[in-house]
Amino acid sequence: MPNTFSQLYIHFVFAAKYRASLLNTDWDERLRLYITAITQNHGHKMLAINNMPDHLHMFVGLNPNQSISDLMRKVKGDSSEWINKEKLTLGKFQWQEGYGAFSHSRSQIDQVVKYILSQQEHHQKKTFLDEYREMLKNFDIPFEEQYIFRLPE
C-alpha cells in the first residue's frame, strides 16, 4: 500500500508439542532454512533464527500486511507439515499451541540477534521454562502458570 511505512521487529518463541526434544541437529538447519523461506515468502525479513531440541526462536522484521497470528499459523503449520512429510521424526510432529511474540526497537536489533544466535550457550545456564518466564516478566506480560509451555501431567 502506498504511503505506508513501518518498522516492526518481533521476536517469536515457540516449542515442540509437550516441549519434546524432537528438533534434531541432523536436520534442524534445514528446518531453519524452511521456516526462513516461509517467512520471507510472506514479505517479512528474517533477522535471526535458532533452535534448541525443544523450541525455536526467530526474530523478524514484520511486514504489516500480515498479522502476527497469521504468520505464526503459517510458519507452524507449514513447517510441521514439512517435518511430517519428510519423516524427520519417528511419530507425528506438532508444535505446541501458542507462542511468545515480543516487540523490540531498532536499537535492540544487534542485542536480540546475538541472544538468539547464542541459544546453545545460553541454555547451558538456564532452562527454556526459566528463560520464557523471564521474558514474560521483563515485558510485563501477565501470565498464568498453567498456560506456560509444559509437559503433560
Protein backbone atom coordinates (compact mmCIF):
# COMPACT_ATOMS: atom_id res chain seq x y z
CA MET A 1 0.00 0.00 0.00
CA PRO A 2 1.48 3.37 -0.96
CA ASN A 3 2.44 5.76 1.82
CA THR A 4 2.57 3.00 4.44
CA PHE A 5 5.78 2.94 6.40
CA SER A 6 6.61 0.70 9.31
CA GLN A 7 9.45 -0.56 11.43
CA LEU A 8 8.29 -3.62 13.36
CA TYR A 9 10.70 -6.09 14.94
CA ILE A 10 9.20 -9.15 16.58
CA HIS A 11 10.99 -11.92 18.49
CA PHE A 12 8.97 -15.16 18.34
CA VAL A 13 9.40 -18.16 20.62
CA PHE A 14 7.53 -21.44 20.21
CA ALA A 15 8.01 -25.03 21.31
CA ALA A 16 7.54 -28.57 20.07
CA LYS A 17 4.39 -30.16 21.50
CA TYR A 18 4.93 -31.05 25.16
CA ARG A 19 8.39 -29.50 24.73
CA ALA A 20 9.61 -32.83 23.38
CA SER A 21 13.24 -32.73 22.25
CA LEU A 22 12.48 -33.54 18.62
CA LEU A 23 14.40 -30.86 16.72
CA ASN A 24 17.42 -32.94 15.77
CA THR A 25 20.80 -31.47 14.82
CA ASP A 26 20.81 -33.81 11.78
CA TRP A 27 18.08 -31.70 10.16
CA ASP A 28 17.48 -28.56 12.24
CA GLU A 29 19.46 -26.37 9.81
CA ARG A 30 17.09 -27.48 7.03
CA LEU A 31 14.16 -26.60 9.30
CA ARG A 32 15.56 -23.13 9.94
CA LEU A 33 16.01 -22.60 6.18
CA TYR A 34 12.46 -23.84 5.54
CA ILE A 35 10.97 -21.51 8.16
CA THR A 36 13.07 -18.63 6.80
CA ALA A 37 11.64 -19.29 3.33
CA ILE A 38 8.06 -19.35 4.67
CA THR A 39 8.67 -16.07 6.48
CA GLN A 40 10.30 -14.35 3.52
CA ASN A 41 7.67 -15.65 1.08
CA HIS A 42 5.13 -13.73 3.15
CA GLY A 43 7.08 -10.48 2.80
CA HIS A 44 8.87 -10.46 6.15
CA LYS A 45 12.61 -10.24 6.79
CA MET A 46 14.26 -12.96 8.89
CA LEU A 47 16.86 -11.27 11.10
CA ALA A 48 17.82 -14.34 13.16
CA ILE A 49 16.63 -17.89 13.72
CA ASN A 50 17.94 -20.60 16.01
CA ASN A 51 16.62 -23.56 17.91
CA MET A 52 17.23 -25.93 20.72
CA PRO A 53 15.91 -29.52 20.60
CA ASP A 54 12.58 -28.47 22.16
CA HIS A 55 11.95 -24.88 21.00
CA LEU A 56 12.74 -22.28 18.36
CA HIS A 57 13.43 -18.53 18.35
CA MET A 58 13.04 -16.30 15.32
CA PHE A 59 13.47 -12.54 15.02
CA VAL A 60 11.58 -10.94 12.17
CA GLY A 61 11.24 -7.57 10.53
CA LEU A 62 7.46 -7.77 10.25
CA ASN A 63 5.54 -6.67 7.16
CA PRO A 64 2.29 -5.10 8.46
CA ASN A 65 0.31 -6.66 5.59
CA GLN A 66 0.10 -9.90 7.59
CA SER A 67 -0.94 -10.28 11.20
CA ILE A 68 1.33 -11.88 13.76
CA SER A 69 -1.20 -14.66 14.37
CA ASP A 70 -1.48 -15.43 10.65
CA LEU A 71 2.30 -15.55 10.26
CA MET A 72 2.61 -17.94 13.21
CA ARG A 73 -0.21 -20.12 11.86
CA LYS A 74 1.62 -20.39 8.51
CA VAL A 75 5.09 -20.94 9.99
CA LYS A 76 3.99 -23.57 12.48
CA GLY A 77 1.50 -25.29 10.16
CA ASP A 78 3.70 -25.41 7.07
CA SER A 79 6.85 -26.40 8.96
CA SER A 80 5.14 -29.21 10.90
CA GLU A 81 3.63 -30.47 7.64
CA TRP A 82 7.13 -30.44 6.08
CA ILE A 83 8.68 -32.28 9.05
CA ASN A 84 5.99 -34.97 8.81
CA LYS A 85 6.19 -35.25 5.01
CA GLU A 86 9.97 -35.67 5.23
CA LYS A 87 9.51 -38.20 8.09
CA LEU A 88 12.12 -36.43 10.21
CA THR A 89 10.64 -37.67 13.49
CA LEU A 90 9.51 -41.15 14.47
CA GLY A 91 5.92 -40.13 15.22
CA LYS A 92 3.74 -37.24 14.15
CA PHE A 93 5.40 -33.89 14.80
CA GLN A 94 3.39 -30.95 16.14
CA TRP A 95 4.25 -27.57 17.58
CA GLN A 96 2.77 -26.76 20.98
CA GLU A 97 -0.22 -24.44 20.90
CA GLY A 98 0.61 -20.79 21.38
CA TYR A 99 3.77 -18.75 21.06
CA GLY A 100 5.53 -15.75 22.50
CA ALA A 101 5.80 -12.57 20.42
CA PHE A 102 7.93 -9.76 21.82
CA SER A 103 8.44 -6.41 20.10
CA HIS A 104 11.79 -4.65 20.03
CA SER A 105 13.10 -1.30 18.88
CA ARG A 106 15.62 -0.79 16.10
CA SER A 107 18.33 -0.04 18.68
CA GLN A 108 17.89 -3.56 20.13
CA ILE A 109 18.37 -5.50 16.87
CA ASP A 110 22.03 -6.45 17.44
CA GLN A 111 21.36 -7.48 21.04
CA VAL A 112 18.38 -9.70 20.10
CA VAL A 113 20.23 -11.28 17.16
CA LYS A 114 23.19 -12.13 19.42
CA TYR A 115 20.83 -13.55 22.04
CA ILE A 116 19.09 -15.81 19.53
CA LEU A 117 22.30 -16.98 17.89
CA SER A 118 23.81 -17.88 21.29
CA GLN A 119 20.95 -20.13 22.43
CA GLN A 120 23.17 -23.19 22.82
CA GLU A 121 25.46 -21.41 25.31
CA HIS A 122 22.55 -19.64 26.98
CA HIS A 123 20.74 -22.90 27.75
CA GLN A 124 23.74 -24.38 29.47
CA LYS A 125 22.89 -21.96 32.31
CA LYS A 126 19.11 -21.53 32.07
CA THR A 127 16.22 -23.84 31.19
CA PHE A 128 13.72 -22.98 28.49
CA LEU A 129 10.92 -22.51 31.02
CA ASP A 130 13.06 -20.18 33.15
CA GLU A 131 14.03 -18.25 30.02
CA TYR A 132 10.41 -17.96 28.88
CA ARG A 133 9.10 -16.86 32.29
CA GLU A 134 11.86 -14.26 32.46
CA MET A 135 10.92 -12.89 29.02
CA LEU A 136 7.26 -12.62 30.03
CA LYS A 137 8.20 -10.83 33.26
CA ASN A 138 10.68 -8.50 31.53
CA PHE A 139 7.95 -7.44 29.09
CA ASP A 140 5.38 -7.09 31.90
CA ILE A 141 3.14 -9.68 30.25
CA PRO A 142 0.73 -11.19 32.76
CA PHE A 143 0.51 -14.98 32.54
CA GLU A 144 -0.95 -17.93 34.33
CA GLU A 145 1.47 -20.72 35.11
CA GLN A 146 -0.96 -23.33 33.77
CA TYR A 147 -0.60 -21.86 30.27
CA ILE A 148 3.19 -21.81 30.14
CA PHE A 149 4.75 -24.39 27.82
CA ARG A 150 4.94 -27.53 29.91
CA LEU A 151 4.92 -31.29 29.87
CA PRO A 152 1.60 -33.09 30.14
CA GLU A 153 0.63 -34.03 33.70
